[in-house]
Amino acid sequence: MASTYLTLSFAEVAEKTNLPVDSLENSLRDMVQTKAIKARINKKQNTVDFIGDEAENDDQLVSQRSFNMTRTVEQQNLRIVQLLARVKDANEKIRRTDDFTTSMAKRNLKKGDENNFDDE
């Protein structure tokens, strides 16, 4: 559903636009019909409801643009999760290789030797 983000009286619109109040309704109707603005005119109350772009028509809950943006973000999030899983798998494979475990053992031995010298 489209939501109203601003309601103004004809007098307020006339004051802000410098249009005469008596011709304002016709001007607003023309702008709505040509889709220059999204608004609803309330003749009984002499007000105009300016409508947000959240939905392109009253049958939609979400605009197509918002839907497309959400879908794009979800696709990017899925790619990130898949990439993180691949990095985790690669990290585990590296940790299991002989070269890695040997280099880590040597580094730990070296740190142990340094600690032995510090104790003397």
PDB file of N, CA and C in Angstrom:
ATOM      1  N   MET A   1       0.822  -1.183   0.000  1.00  0.00           N
ATOM      2  CA  MET A   1       0.000   0.000   0.000  1.00  0.00           C
ATOM      3  C   MET A   1       0.868   1.249   0.000  1.00  0.00           C
ATOM      4  N   ALA A   2       0.402   2.243  -0.702  1.00  0.00           N
ATOM      5  CA  ALA A   2       1.100   3.517  -0.702  1.00  0.00           C
ATOM      6  C   ALA A   2       0.814   4.205   0.624  1.00  0.00           C
ATOM      7  N   SER A   3       1.767   4.944   1.119  1.00  0.00           N
ATOM      8  CA  SER A   3       1.546   5.628   2.380  1.00  0.00           C
ATOM      9  C   SER A   3       1.623   7.132   2.186  1.00  0.00           C
ATOM     10  N   THR A   4       0.803   7.813   2.951  1.00  0.00           N
ATOM     11  CA  THR A   4       0.788   9.264   2.897  1.00  0.00           C
ATOM     12  C   THR A   4       1.932   9.786   3.746  1.00  0.00           C
ATOM     13  N   TYR A   5       2.751  10.633   3.164  1.00  0.00           N
ATOM     14  CA  TYR A   5       3.835  11.186   3.961  1.00  0.00           C
ATOM     15  C   TYR A   5       3.602  12.644   4.298  1.00  0.00           C
ATOM     16  N   LEU A   6       2.580  13.273   3.654  1.00  0.00           N
ATOM     17  CA  LEU A   6       2.282  14.666   3.966  1.00  0.00           C
ATOM     18  C   LEU A   6       0.865  14.976   3.523  1.00  0.00           C
ATOM     19  N   THR A   7       0.105  15.612   4.389  1.00  0.00           N
ATOM     20  CA  THR A   7      -1.232  16.084   4.044  1.00  0.00           C
ATOM     21  C   THR A   7      -1.259  17.583   4.260  1.00  0.00           C
ATOM     22  N   LEU A   8      -1.663  18.305   3.232  1.00  0.00           N
ATOM     23  CA  LEU A   8      -1.754  19.764   3.313  1.00  0.00           C
ATOM     24  C   LEU A   8      -3.142  20.213   2.885  1.00  0.00           C
ATOM     25  N   SER A   9      -3.588  21.295   3.490  1.00  0.00           N
ATOM     26  CA  SER A   9      -4.851  21.884   3.051  1.00  0.00           C
ATOM     27  C   SER A   9      -4.607  22.641   1.751  1.00  0.00           C
ATOM     28  N   PHE A  10      -5.693  22.873   1.015  1.00  0.00           N
ATOM     29  CA  PHE A  10      -5.558  23.653  -0.226  1.00  0.00           C
ATOM     30  C   PHE A  10      -4.970  25.029   0.083  1.00  0.00           C
ATOM     31  N   ALA A  11      -5.361  25.614   1.212  1.00  0.00           N
ATOM     32  CA  ALA A  11      -4.857  26.941   1.576  1.00  0.00           C
ATOM     33  C   ALA A  11      -3.340  26.908   1.773  1.00  0.00           C
ATOM     34  N   GLU A  12      -2.837  25.843   2.433  1.00  0.00           N
ATOM     35  CA  GLU A  12      -1.389  25.725   2.642  1.00  0.00           C
ATOM     36  C   GLU A  12      -0.645  25.561   1.317  1.00  0.00           C
ATOM     37  N   VAL A  13      -1.198  24.733   0.422  1.00  0.00           N
ATOM     38  CA  VAL A  13      -0.560  24.530  -0.879  1.00  0.00           C
ATOM     39  C   VAL A  13      -0.581  25.838  -1.674  1.00  0.00           C
ATOM     40  N   ALA A  14      -1.712  26.547  -1.633  1.00  0.00           N
ATOM     41  CA  ALA A  14      -1.832  27.820  -2.359  1.00  0.00           C
ATOM     42  C   ALA A  14      -0.811  28.827  -1.832  1.00  0.00           C
ATOM     43  N   GLU A  15      -0.654  28.868  -0.518  1.00  0.00           N
ATOM     44  CA  GLU A  15       0.301  29.800   0.085  1.00  0.00           C
ATOM     45  C   GLU A  15       1.730  29.482  -0.343  1.00  0.00           C
ATOM     46  N   LYS A  16       2.070  28.189  -0.379  1.00  0.00           N
ATOM     47  CA  LYS A  16       3.441  27.788  -0.713  1.00  0.00           C
ATOM     48  C   LYS A  16       3.739  27.875  -2.208  1.00  0.00           C
ATOM     49  N   THR A  17       2.702  27.767  -3.040  1.00  0.00           N
ATOM     50  CA  THR A  17       2.914  27.764  -4.494  1.00  0.00           C
ATOM     51  C   THR A  17       2.523  29.073  -5.168  1.00  0.00           C
ATOM     52  N   ASN A  18       1.926  29.956  -4.405  1.00  0.00           N
ATOM     53  CA  ASN A  18       1.429  31.222  -4.952  1.00  0.00           C
ATOM     54  C   ASN A  18       0.379  31.019  -6.033  1.00  0.00           C
ATOM     55  N   LEU A  19      -0.359  29.921  -5.952  1.00  0.00           N
ATOM     56  CA  LEU A  19      -1.486  29.666  -6.852  1.00  0.00           C
ATOM     57  C   LEU A  19      -2.770  30.052  -6.140  1.00  0.00           C
ATOM     58  N   PRO A  20      -3.749  30.551  -6.875  1.00  0.00           N
ATOM     59  CA  PRO A  20      -5.029  30.865  -6.237  1.00  0.00           C
ATOM     60  C   PRO A  20      -5.735  29.585  -5.790  1.00  0.00           C
ATOM     61  N   VAL A  21      -6.362  29.639  -4.624  1.00  0.00           N
ATOM     62  CA  VAL A  21      -7.023  28.471  -4.059  1.00  0.00           C
ATOM     63  C   VAL A  21      -8.099  27.938  -4.998  1.00  0.00           C
ATOM     64  N   ASP A  22      -8.830  28.829  -5.672  1.00  0.00           N
ATOM     65  CA  ASP A  22      -9.937  28.375  -6.522  1.00  0.00           C
ATOM     66  C   ASP A  22      -9.466  27.590  -7.748  1.00  0.00           C
ATOM     67  N   SER A  23      -8.245  27.757  -8.207  1.00  0.00           N
ATOM     68  CA  SER A  23      -7.745  26.987  -9.353  1.00  0.00           C
ATOM     69  C   SER A  23      -6.799  25.847  -8.932  1.00  0.00           C
ATOM     70  N   LEU A  24      -6.560  25.757  -7.641  1.00  0.00           N
ATOM     71  CA  LEU A  24      -5.599  24.790  -7.131  1.00  0.00           C
ATOM     72  C   LEU A  24      -6.032  23.349  -7.383  1.00  0.00           C
ATOM     73  N   GLU A  25      -7.298  23.047  -7.152  1.00  0.00           N
ATOM     74  CA  GLU A  25      -7.767  21.669  -7.332  1.00  0.00           C
ATOM     75  C   GLU A  25      -7.537  21.192  -8.758  1.00  0.00           C
ATOM     76  N   ASN A  26      -7.843  22.015  -9.743  1.00  0.00           N
ATOM     77  CA  ASN A  26      -7.625  21.641 -11.147  1.00  0.00           C
ATOM     78  C   ASN A  26      -6.139  21.445 -11.445  1.00  0.00           C
ATOM     79  N   SER A  27      -5.313  22.312 -10.903  1.00  0.00           N
ATOM     80  CA  SER A  27      -3.868  22.181 -11.122  1.00  0.00           C
ATOM     81  C   SER A  27      -3.339  20.889 -10.500  1.00  0.00           C
ATOM     82  N   LEU A  28      -3.783  20.600  -9.291  1.00  0.00           N
ATOM     83  CA  LEU A  28      -3.357  19.367  -8.633  1.00  0.00           C
ATOM     84  C   LEU A  28      -3.832  18.142  -9.401  1.00  0.00           C
ATOM     85  N   ARG A  29      -5.100  18.165  -9.841  1.00  0.00           N
ATOM     86  CA  ARG A  29      -5.647  17.027 -10.584  1.00  0.00           C
ATOM     87  C   ARG A  29      -4.841  16.788 -11.865  1.00  0.00           C
ATOM     88  N   ASP A  30      -4.490  17.870 -12.568  1.00  0.00           N
ATOM     89  CA  ASP A  30      -3.680  17.735 -13.788  1.00  0.00           C
ATOM     90  C   ASP A  30      -2.319  17.109 -13.480  1.00  0.00           C
ATOM     91  N   MET A  31      -1.699  17.538 -12.384  1.00  0.00           N
ATOM     92  CA  MET A  31      -0.382  16.995 -12.020  1.00  0.00           C
ATOM     93  C   MET A  31      -0.478  15.523 -11.632  1.00  0.00           C
ATOM     94  N   VAL A  32      -1.552  15.126 -10.957  1.00  0.00           N
ATOM     95  CA  VAL A  32      -1.743  13.727 -10.586  1.00  0.00           C
ATOM     96  C   VAL A  32      -1.984  12.889 -11.840  1.00  0.00           C
ATOM     97  N   GLN A  33      -2.824  13.379 -12.744  1.00  0.00           N
ATOM     98  CA  GLN A  33      -3.141  12.621 -13.962  1.00  0.00           C
ATOM     99  C   GLN A  33      -1.929  12.451 -14.873  1.00  0.00           C
ATOM    100  N   THR A  34      -1.076  13.435 -14.917  1.00  0.00           N
ATOM    101  CA  THR A  34       0.134  13.331 -15.754  1.00  0.00           C
ATOM    102  C   THR A  34       1.282  12.668 -15.002  1.00  0.00           C
ATOM    103  N   LYS A  35       1.000  12.254 -13.767  1.00  0.00           N
ATOM    104  CA  LYS A  35       1.978  11.575 -12.904  1.00  0.00           C
ATOM    105  C   LYS A  35       3.185  12.447 -12.558  1.00  0.00           C
ATOM    106  N   ALA A  36       2.967  13.748 -12.574  1.00  0.00           N
ATOM    107  CA  ALA A  36       4.012  14.667 -12.132  1.00  0.00           C
ATOM    108  C   ALA A  36       4.193  14.561 -10.620  1.00  0.00           C
ATOM    109  N   ILE A  37       3.084  14.258  -9.924  1.00  0.00           N
ATOM    110  CA  ILE A  37       3.129  14.028  -8.481  1.00  0.00           C
ATOM    111  C   ILE A  37       2.267  12.821  -8.155  1.00  0.00           C
ATOM    112  N   LYS A  38       2.530  12.220  -7.006  1.00  0.00           N
ATOM    113  CA  LYS A  38       1.681  11.142  -6.497  1.00  0.00           C
ATOM    114  C   LYS A  38       0.914  11.729  -5.323  1.00  0.00           C
ATOM    115  N   ALA A  39      -0.387  11.863  -5.509  1.00  0.00           N
ATOM    116  CA  ALA A  39      -1.199  12.493  -4.468  1.00  0.00           C
ATOM    117  C   ALA A  39      -2.654  12.057  -4.602  1.00  0.00           C
ATOM    118  N   ARG A  40      -3.405  12.234  -3.502  1.00  0.00           N
ATOM    119  CA  ARG A  40      -4.854  12.034  -3.488  1.00  0.00           C
ATOM    120  C   ARG A  40      -5.488  13.353  -3.074  1.00  0.00           C
ATOM    121  N   ILE A  41      -6.521  13.728  -3.790  1.00  0.00           N
ATOM    122  CA  ILE A  41      -7.219  14.974  -3.494  1.00  0.00           C
ATOM    123  C   ILE A  41      -8.500  14.638  -2.739  1.00  0.00           C
ATOM    124  N   ASN A  42      -8.693  15.290  -1.597  1.00  0.00           N
ATOM    125  CA  ASN A  42      -9.900  15.109  -0.803  1.00  0.00           C
ATOM    126  C   ASN A  42     -10.730  16.377  -0.938  1.00  0.00           C
ATOM    127  N   LYS A  43     -11.746  16.310  -1.792  1.00  0.00           N
ATOM    128  CA  LYS A  43     -12.574  17.496  -2.065  1.00  0.00           C
ATOM    129  C   LYS A  43     -13.379  17.916  -0.843  1.00  0.00           C
ATOM    130  N   LYS A  44     -13.855  16.960  -0.078  1.00  0.00           N
ATOM    131  CA  LYS A  44     -14.684  17.281   1.083  1.00  0.00           C
ATOM    132  C   LYS A  44     -13.918  18.079   2.125  1.00  0.00           C
ATOM    133  N   GLN A  45     -12.666  17.687   2.353  1.00  0.00           N
ATOM    134  CA  GLN A  45     -11.867  18.361   3.372  1.00  0.00           C
ATOM    135  C   GLN A  45     -10.942  19.428   2.791  1.00  0.00           C
ATOM    136  N   ASN A  46     -10.952  19.567   1.467  1.00  0.00           N
ATOM    137  CA  ASN A  46     -10.052  20.512   0.788  1.00  0.00           C
ATOM    138  C   ASN A  46      -8.597  20.292   1.194  1.00  0.00           C
ATOM    139  N   THR A  47      -8.183  19.014   1.085  1.00  0.00           N
ATOM    140  CA  THR A  47      -6.800  18.668   1.401  1.00  0.00           C
ATOM    141  C   THR A  47      -6.220  17.834   0.273  1.00  0.00           C
ATOM    142  N   VAL A  48      -4.921  17.736   0.271  1.00  0.00           N
ATOM    143  CA  VAL A  48      -4.219  16.868  -0.669  1.00  0.00           C
ATOM    144  C   VAL A  48      -3.237  16.020   0.134  1.00  0.00           C
ATOM    145  N   ASP A  49      -3.292  14.703  -0.102  1.00  0.00           N
ATOM    146  CA  ASP A  49      -2.387  13.755   0.545  1.00  0.00           C
ATOM    147  C   ASP A  49      -1.285  13.414  -0.444  1.00  0.00           C
ATOM    148  N   PHE A  50      -0.053  13.769  -0.109  1.00  0.00           N
ATOM    149  CA  PHE A  50       1.073  13.413  -0.958  1.00  0.00           C
ATOM    150  C   PHE A  50       1.512  12.007  -0.566  1.00  0.00           C
ATOM    151  N   ILE A  51       1.691  11.164  -1.572  1.00  0.00           N
ATOM    152  CA  ILE A  51       1.890   9.737  -1.369  1.00  0.00           C
ATOM    153  C   ILE A  51       3.351   9.381  -1.601  1.00  0.00           C
ATOM    154  N   GLY A  52       3.865   8.511  -0.730  1.00  0.00           N
ATOM    155  CA  GLY A  52       5.248   8.056  -0.852  1.00  0.00           C
ATOM    156  C   GLY A  52       5.399   7.057  -1.978  1.00  0.00           C
ATOM    157  N   ASP A  53       6.656   6.786  -2.353  1.00  0.00           N
ATOM    158  CA  ASP A  53       6.981   5.861  -3.433  1.00  0.00           C
ATOM    159  C   ASP A  53       7.134   4.430  -2.960  1.00  0.00           C
ATOM    160  N   GLU A  54       6.612   4.087  -1.809  1.00  0.00           N
ATOM    161  CA  GLU A  54       6.815   2.748  -1.293  1.00  0.00           C
ATOM    162  C   GLU A  54       6.159   1.697  -2.153  1.00  0.00           C
ATOM    163  N   ALA A  55       5.094   2.035  -2.817  1.00  0.00           N
ATOM    164  CA  ALA A  55       4.426   1.077  -3.695  1.00  0.00           C
ATOM    165  C   ALA A  55       4.012   1.804  -4.962  1.00  0.00           C
ATOM    166  N   GLU A  56       4.169   1.137  -6.081  1.00  0.00           N
ATOM    167  CA  GLU A  56       3.834   1.771  -7.349  1.00  0.00           C
ATOM    168  C   GLU A  56       2.328   1.840  -7.569  1.00  0.00           C
ATOM    169  N   ASN A  57       1.597   0.934  -6.968  1.00  0.00           N
ATOM    170  CA  ASN A  57       0.142   1.032  -6.972  1.00  0.00           C
ATOM    171  C   ASN A  57      -0.379   0.392  -5.693  1.00  0.00           C
ATOM    172  N   ASP A  58      -1.639   0.572  -5.430  1.00  0.00           N
ATOM    173  CA  ASP A  58      -2.195   0.114  -4.159  1.00  0.00           C
ATOM    174  C   ASP A  58      -2.229  -1.402  -4.030  1.00  0.00           C
ATOM    175  N   ASP A  59      -2.085  -2.148  -5.137  1.00  0.00           N
ATOM    176  CA  ASP A  59      -2.112  -3.605  -5.073  1.00  0.00           C
ATOM    177  C   ASP A  59      -0.785  -4.187  -4.615  1.00  0.00           C
ATOM    178  N   GLN A  60       0.280  -3.424  -4.673  1.00  0.00           N
ATOM    179  CA  GLN A  60       1.596  -3.924  -4.297  1.00  0.00           C
ATOM    180  C   GLN A  60       1.918  -3.546  -2.853  1.00  0.00           C
ATOM    181  N   LEU A  61       2.555  -4.469  -2.154  1.00  0.00           N
ATOM    182  CA  LEU A  61       3.014  -4.162  -0.810  1.00  0.00           C
ATOM    183  C   LEU A  61       4.386  -3.503  -0.839  1.00  0.00           C
ATOM    184  N   VAL A  62       5.188  -3.830  -1.858  1.00  0.00           N
ATOM    185  CA  VAL A  62       6.542  -3.297  -1.988  1.00  0.00           C
ATOM    186  C   VAL A  62       6.742  -2.886  -3.443  1.00  0.00           C
ATOM    187  N   SER A  63       7.423  -1.767  -3.656  1.00  0.00           N
ATOM    188  CA  SER A  63       7.677  -1.329  -5.027  1.00  0.00           C
ATOM    189  C   SER A  63       8.650  -2.286  -5.707  1.00  0.00           C
ATOM    190  N   GLN A  64       8.603  -2.311  -7.015  1.00  0.00           N
ATOM    191  CA  GLN A  64       9.498  -3.183  -7.779  1.00  0.00           C
ATOM    192  C   GLN A  64      10.955  -2.814  -7.521  1.00  0.00           C
ATOM    193  N   ARG A  65      11.228  -1.525  -7.399  1.00  0.00           N
ATOM    194  CA  ARG A  65      12.601  -1.063  -7.144  1.00  0.00           C
ATOM    195  C   ARG A  65      13.100  -1.593  -5.796  1.00  0.00           C
ATOM    196  N   SER A  66      12.269  -1.481  -4.760  1.00  0.00           N
ATOM    197  CA  SER A  66      12.656  -1.984  -3.443  1.00  0.00           C
ATOM    198  C   SER A  66      12.848  -3.493  -3.471  1.00  0.00           C
ATOM    199  N   PHE A  67      11.973  -4.184  -4.181  1.00  0.00           N
ATOM    200  CA  PHE A  67      12.081  -5.637  -4.295  1.00  0.00           C
ATOM    201  C   PHE A  67      13.395  -6.017  -4.972  1.00  0.00           C
ATOM    202  N   ASN A  68      13.729  -5.332  -6.067  1.00  0.00           N
ATOM    203  CA  ASN A  68      14.971  -5.626  -6.795  1.00  0.00           C
ATOM    204  C   ASN A  68      16.201  -5.344  -5.937  1.00  0.00           C
ATOM    205  N   MET A  69      16.171  -4.255  -5.187  1.00  0.00           N
ATOM    206  CA  MET A  69      17.300  -3.932  -4.317  1.00  0.00           C
ATOM    207  C   MET A  69      17.464  -4.988  -3.231  1.00  0.00           C
ATOM    208  N   THR A  70      16.365  -5.433  -2.652  1.00  0.00           N
ATOM    209  CA  THR A  70      16.412  -6.465  -1.615  1.00  0.00           C
ATOM    210  C   THR A  70      16.958  -7.765  -2.181  1.00  0.00           C
ATOM    211  N   ARG A  71      16.504  -8.126  -3.379  1.00  0.00           N
ATOM    212  CA  ARG A  71      16.976  -9.353  -4.012  1.00  0.00           C
ATOM    213  C   ARG A  71      18.476  -9.271  -4.283  1.00  0.00           C
ATOM    214  N   THR A  72      18.954  -8.125  -4.748  1.00  0.00           N
ATOM    215  CA  THR A  72      20.379  -7.946  -5.018  1.00  0.00           C
ATOM    216  C   THR A  72      21.197  -8.081  -3.735  1.00  0.00           C
ATOM    217  N   VAL A  73      20.733  -7.483  -2.657  1.00  0.00           N
ATOM    218  CA  VAL A  73      21.439  -7.576  -1.377  1.00  0.00           C
ATOM    219  C   VAL A  73      21.474  -9.029  -0.904  1.00  0.00           C
ATOM    220  N   GLU A  74      20.352  -9.733  -1.030  1.00  0.00           N
ATOM    221  CA  GLU A  74      20.323 -11.141  -0.624  1.00  0.00           C
ATOM    222  C   GLU A  74      21.294 -11.981  -1.452  1.00  0.00           C
ATOM    223  N   GLN A  75      21.373 -11.722  -2.750  1.00  0.00           N
ATOM    224  CA  GLN A  75      22.305 -12.452  -3.608  1.00  0.00           C
ATOM    225  C   GLN A  75      23.750 -12.176  -3.206  1.00  0.00           C
ATOM    226  N   GLN A  76      24.054 -10.922  -2.898  1.00  0.00           N
ATOM    227  CA  GLN A  76      25.407 -10.568  -2.476  1.00  0.00           C
ATOM    228  C   GLN A  76      25.747 -11.222  -1.131  1.00  0.00           C
ATOM    229  N   ASN A  77      24.775 -11.240  -0.218  1.00  0.00           N
ATOM    230  CA  ASN A  77      25.004 -11.904   1.075  1.00  0.00           C
ATOM    231  C   ASN A  77      25.273 -13.391   0.886  1.00  0.00           C
ATOM    232  N   LEU A  78      24.537 -14.032  -0.014  1.00  0.00           N
ATOM    233  CA  LEU A  78      24.751 -15.451  -0.288  1.00  0.00           C
ATOM    234  C   LEU A  78      26.162 -15.681  -0.841  1.00  0.00           C
ATOM    235  N   ARG A  79      26.604 -14.813  -1.743  1.00  0.00           N
ATOM    236  CA  ARG A  79      27.954 -14.927  -2.295  1.00  0.00           C
ATOM    237  C   ARG A  79      29.009 -14.775  -1.197  1.00  0.00           C
ATOM    238  N   ILE A  80      28.781 -13.860  -0.269  1.00  0.00           N
ATOM    239  CA  ILE A  80      29.719 -13.646   0.829  1.00  0.00           C
ATOM    240  C   ILE A  80      29.791 -14.895   1.712  1.00  0.00           C
ATOM    241  N   VAL A  81      28.637 -15.462   2.035  1.00  0.00           N
ATOM    242  CA  VAL A  81      28.605 -16.666   2.875  1.00  0.00           C
ATOM    243  C   VAL A  81      29.330 -17.816   2.171  1.00  0.00           C
ATOM    244  N   GLN A  82      29.104 -17.966   0.868  1.00  0.00           N
ATOM    245  CA  GLN A  82      29.777 -19.024   0.115  1.00  0.00           C
ATOM    246  C   GLN A  82      31.287 -18.788   0.085  1.00  0.00           C
ATOM    247  N   LEU A  83      31.693 -17.568  -0.106  1.00  0.00           N
ATOM    248  CA  LEU A  83      33.121 -17.241  -0.121  1.00  0.00           C
ATOM    249  C   LEU A  83      33.759 -17.529   1.234  1.00  0.00           C
ATOM    250  N   LEU A  84      33.089 -17.147   2.305  1.00  0.00           N
ATOM    251  CA  LEU A  84      33.616 -17.422   3.641  1.00  0.00           C
ATOM    252  C   LEU A  84      33.751 -18.924   3.883  1.00  0.00           C
ATOM    253  N   ALA A  85      32.811 -19.716   3.398  1.00  0.00           N
ATOM    254  CA  ALA A  85      32.899 -21.171   3.548  1.00  0.00           C
ATOM    255  C   ALA A  85      34.099 -21.713   2.782  1.00  0.00           C
ATOM    256  N   ARG A  86      34.338 -21.174   1.575  1.00  0.00           N
ATOM    257  CA  ARG A  86      35.499 -21.618   0.789  1.00  0.00           C
ATOM    258  C   ARG A  86      36.801 -21.242   1.481  1.00  0.00           C
ATOM    259  N   VAL A  87      36.861 -20.056   2.059  1.00  0.00           N
ATOM    260  CA  VAL A  87      38.062 -19.620   2.777  1.00  0.00           C
ATOM    261  C   VAL A  87      38.299 -20.516   3.987  1.00  0.00           C
ATOM    262  N   LYS A  88      37.249 -20.836   4.718  1.00  0.00           N
ATOM    263  CA  LYS A  88      37.376 -21.720   5.883  1.00  0.00           C
ATOM    264  C   LYS A  88      37.891 -23.096   5.463  1.00  0.00           C
ATOM    265  N   ASP A  89      37.326 -23.645   4.365  1.00  0.00           N
ATOM    266  CA  ASP A  89      37.792 -24.948   3.876  1.00  0.00           C
ATOM    267  C   ASP A  89      39.259 -24.897   3.466  1.00  0.00           C
ATOM    268  N   ALA A  90      39.630 -23.832   2.750  1.00  0.00           N
ATOM    269  CA  ALA A  90      41.025 -23.699   2.318  1.00  0.00           C
ATOM    270  C   ALA A  90      41.949 -23.571   3.521  1.00  0.00           C
ATOM    271  N   ASN A  91      41.534 -22.829   4.517  1.00  0.00           N
ATOM    272  CA  ASN A  91      42.330 -22.670   5.727  1.00  0.00           C
ATOM    273  C   ASN A  91      42.534 -24.016   6.428  1.00  0.00           C
ATOM    274  N   GLU A  92      41.490 -24.821   6.506  1.00  0.00           N
ATOM    275  CA  GLU A  92      41.610 -26.140   7.128  1.00  0.00           C
ATOM    276  C   GLU A  92      42.557 -27.041   6.333  1.00  0.00           C
ATOM    277  N   LYS A  93      42.478 -26.989   5.014  1.00  0.00           N
ATOM    278  CA  LYS A  93      43.374 -27.796   4.181  1.00  0.00           C
ATOM    279  C   LYS A  93      44.822 -27.376   4.386  1.00  0.00           C
ATOM    280  N   ILE A  94      45.047 -26.076   4.455  1.00  0.00           N
ATOM    281  CA  ILE A  94      46.405 -25.572   4.666  1.00  0.00           C
ATOM    282  C   ILE A  94      46.932 -26.023   6.023  1.00  0.00           C
ATOM    283  N   ARG A  95      46.116 -25.951   7.037  1.00  0.00           N
ATOM    284  CA  ARG A  95      46.537 -26.341   8.390  1.00  0.00           C
ATOM    285  C   ARG A  95      46.901 -27.822   8.460  1.00  0.00           C
ATOM    286  N   ARG A  96      46.318 -28.631   7.596  1.00  0.00           N
ATOM    287  CA  ARG A  96      46.567 -30.077   7.624  1.00  0.00           C
ATOM    288  C   ARG A  96      47.779 -30.497   6.798  1.00  0.00           C
ATOM    289  N   THR A  97      48.328 -29.624   6.003  1.00  0.00           N
ATOM    290  CA  THR A  97      49.461 -30.006   5.163  1.00  0.00           C
ATOM    291  C   THR A  97      50.720 -30.179   6.004  1.00  0.00           C
ATOM    292  N   ASP A  98      51.592 -31.036   5.523  1.00  0.00           N
ATOM    293  CA  ASP A  98      52.845 -31.300   6.233  1.00  0.00           C
ATOM    294  C   ASP A  98      53.715 -30.052   6.326  1.00  0.00           C
ATOM    295  N   ASP A  99      53.791 -29.280   5.246  1.00  0.00           N
ATOM    296  CA  ASP A  99      54.643 -28.083   5.252  1.00  0.00           C
ATOM    297  C   ASP A  99      54.190 -27.101   6.325  1.00  0.00           C
ATOM    298  N   PHE A 100      52.903 -26.922   6.427  1.00  0.00           N
ATOM    299  CA  PHE A 100      52.385 -25.971   7.400  1.00  0.00           C
ATOM    300  C   PHE A 100      52.668 -26.457   8.826  1.00  0.00           C
ATOM    301  N   THR A 101      52.370 -27.719   9.076  1.00  0.00           N
ATOM    302  CA  THR A 101      52.588 -28.229  10.433  1.00  0.00           C
ATOM    303  C   THR A 101      54.066 -28.236  10.792  1.00  0.00           C
ATOM    304  N   THR A 102      54.926 -28.536   9.802  1.00  0.00           N
ATOM    305  CA  THR A 102      56.372 -28.511  10.048  1.00  0.00           C
ATOM    306  C   THR A 102      56.832 -27.098  10.364  1.00  0.00           C
ATOM    307  N   SER A 103      56.380 -26.109   9.580  1.00  0.00           N
ATOM    308  CA  SER A 103      56.799 -24.725   9.816  1.00  0.00           C
ATOM    309  C   SER A 103      56.274 -24.217  11.151  1.00  0.00           C
ATOM    310  N   MET A 104      55.080 -24.616  11.539  1.00  0.00           N
ATOM    311  CA  MET A 104      54.542 -24.199  12.830  1.00  0.00           C
ATOM    312  C   MET A 104      55.338 -24.837  13.968  1.00  0.00           C
ATOM    313  N   ALA A 105      55.721 -26.113  13.786  1.00  0.00           N
ATOM    314  CA  ALA A 105      56.514 -26.795  14.811  1.00  0.00           C
ATOM    315  C   ALA A 105      57.866 -26.120  14.971  1.00  0.00           C
ATOM    316  N   LYS A 106      58.509 -25.771  13.839  1.00  0.00           N
ATOM    317  CA  LYS A 106      59.808 -25.095  13.901  1.00  0.00           C
ATOM    318  C   LYS A 106      59.682 -23.753  14.598  1.00  0.00           C
ATOM    319  N   ARG A 107      58.624 -23.022  14.279  1.00  0.00           N
ATOM    320  CA  ARG A 107      58.427 -21.717  14.893  1.00  0.00           C
ATOM    321  C   ARG A 107      58.228 -21.876  16.406  1.00  0.00           C
ATOM    322  N   ASN A 108      57.452 -22.858  16.789  1.00  0.00           N
ATOM    323  CA  ASN A 108      57.230 -23.092  18.223  1.00  0.00           C
ATOM    324  C   ASN A 108      58.515 -23.512  18.921  1.00  0.00           C
ATOM    325  N   LEU A 109      59.359 -24.335  18.239  1.00  0.00           N
ATOM    326  CA  LEU A 109      60.642 -24.725  18.829  1.00  0.00           C
ATOM    327  C   LEU A 109      61.549 -23.515  18.993  1.00  0.00           C
ATOM    328  N   LYS A 110      61.544 -22.652  17.988  1.00  0.00           N
ATOM    329  CA  LYS A 110      62.375 -21.457  18.047  1.00  0.00           C
ATOM    330  C   LYS A 110      61.937 -20.567  19.212  1.00  0.00           C
ATOM    331  N   LYS A 111      60.625 -20.417  19.366  1.00  0.00           N
ATOM    332  CA  LYS A 111      60.134 -19.631  20.498  1.00  0.00           C
ATOM    333  C   LYS A 111      60.537 -20.283  21.810  1.00  0.00           C
ATOM    334  N   GLY A 112      60.515 -21.607  21.846  1.00  0.00           N
ATOM    335  CA  GLY A 112      60.934 -22.330  23.055  1.00  0.00           C
ATOM    336  C   GLY A 112      62.390 -22.106  23.356  1.00  0.00           C
ATOM    337  N   ASP A 113      63.246 -22.083  22.312  1.00  0.00           N
ATOM    338  CA  ASP A 113      64.677 -21.834  22.498  1.00  0.00           C
ATOM    339  C   ASP A 113      64.908 -20.433  23.027  1.00  0.00           C
ATOM    340  N   GLU A 114      64.186 -19.481  22.478  1.00  0.00           N
ATOM    341  CA  GLU A 114      64.324 -18.094  22.960  1.00  0.00           C
ATOM    342  C   GLU A 114      63.925 -18.002  24.412  1.00  0.00           C
ATOM    343  N   ASN A 115      62.894 -18.719  24.780  1.00  0.00           N
ATOM    344  CA  ASN A 115      62.458 -18.699  26.162  1.00  0.00           C
ATOM    345  C   ASN A 115      63.499 -19.341  27.078  1.00  0.00           C
ATOM    346  N   ASN A 116      64.191 -20.389  26.582  1.00  0.00           N
ATOM    347  CA  ASN A 116      65.231 -21.028  27.382  1.00  0.00           C
ATOM    348  C   ASN A 116      66.386 -20.072  27.629  1.00  0.00           C
ATOM    349  N   PHE A 117      66.742 -19.275  26.618  1.00  0.00           N
ATOM    350  CA  PHE A 117      67.828 -18.313  26.811  1.00  0.00           C
ATOM    351  C   PHE A 117      67.437 -17.229  27.808  1.00  0.00           C
ATOM    352  N   ASP A 118      66.180 -16.881  27.794  1.00  0.00           N
ATOM    353  CA  ASP A 118      65.718 -15.834  28.708  1.00  0.00           C
ATOM    354  C   ASP A 118      65.783 -16.286  30.158  1.00  0.00           C
ATOM    355  N   ASP A 119      65.692 -17.625  30.353  1.00  0.00           N
ATOM    356  CA  ASP A 119      65.674 -18.144  31.701  1.00  0.00           C
ATOM    357  C   ASP A 119      67.064 -18.157  32.344  1.00  0.00           C
ATOM    358  N   GLU A 120      68.128 -18.122  31.540  1.00  0.00           N
ATOM    359  CA  GLU A 120      69.497 -18.236  32.087  1.00  0.00           C
ATOM    360  C   GLU A 120      69.980 -16.996  32.729  1.00  0.00           C
TER     361      GLU A 120
END
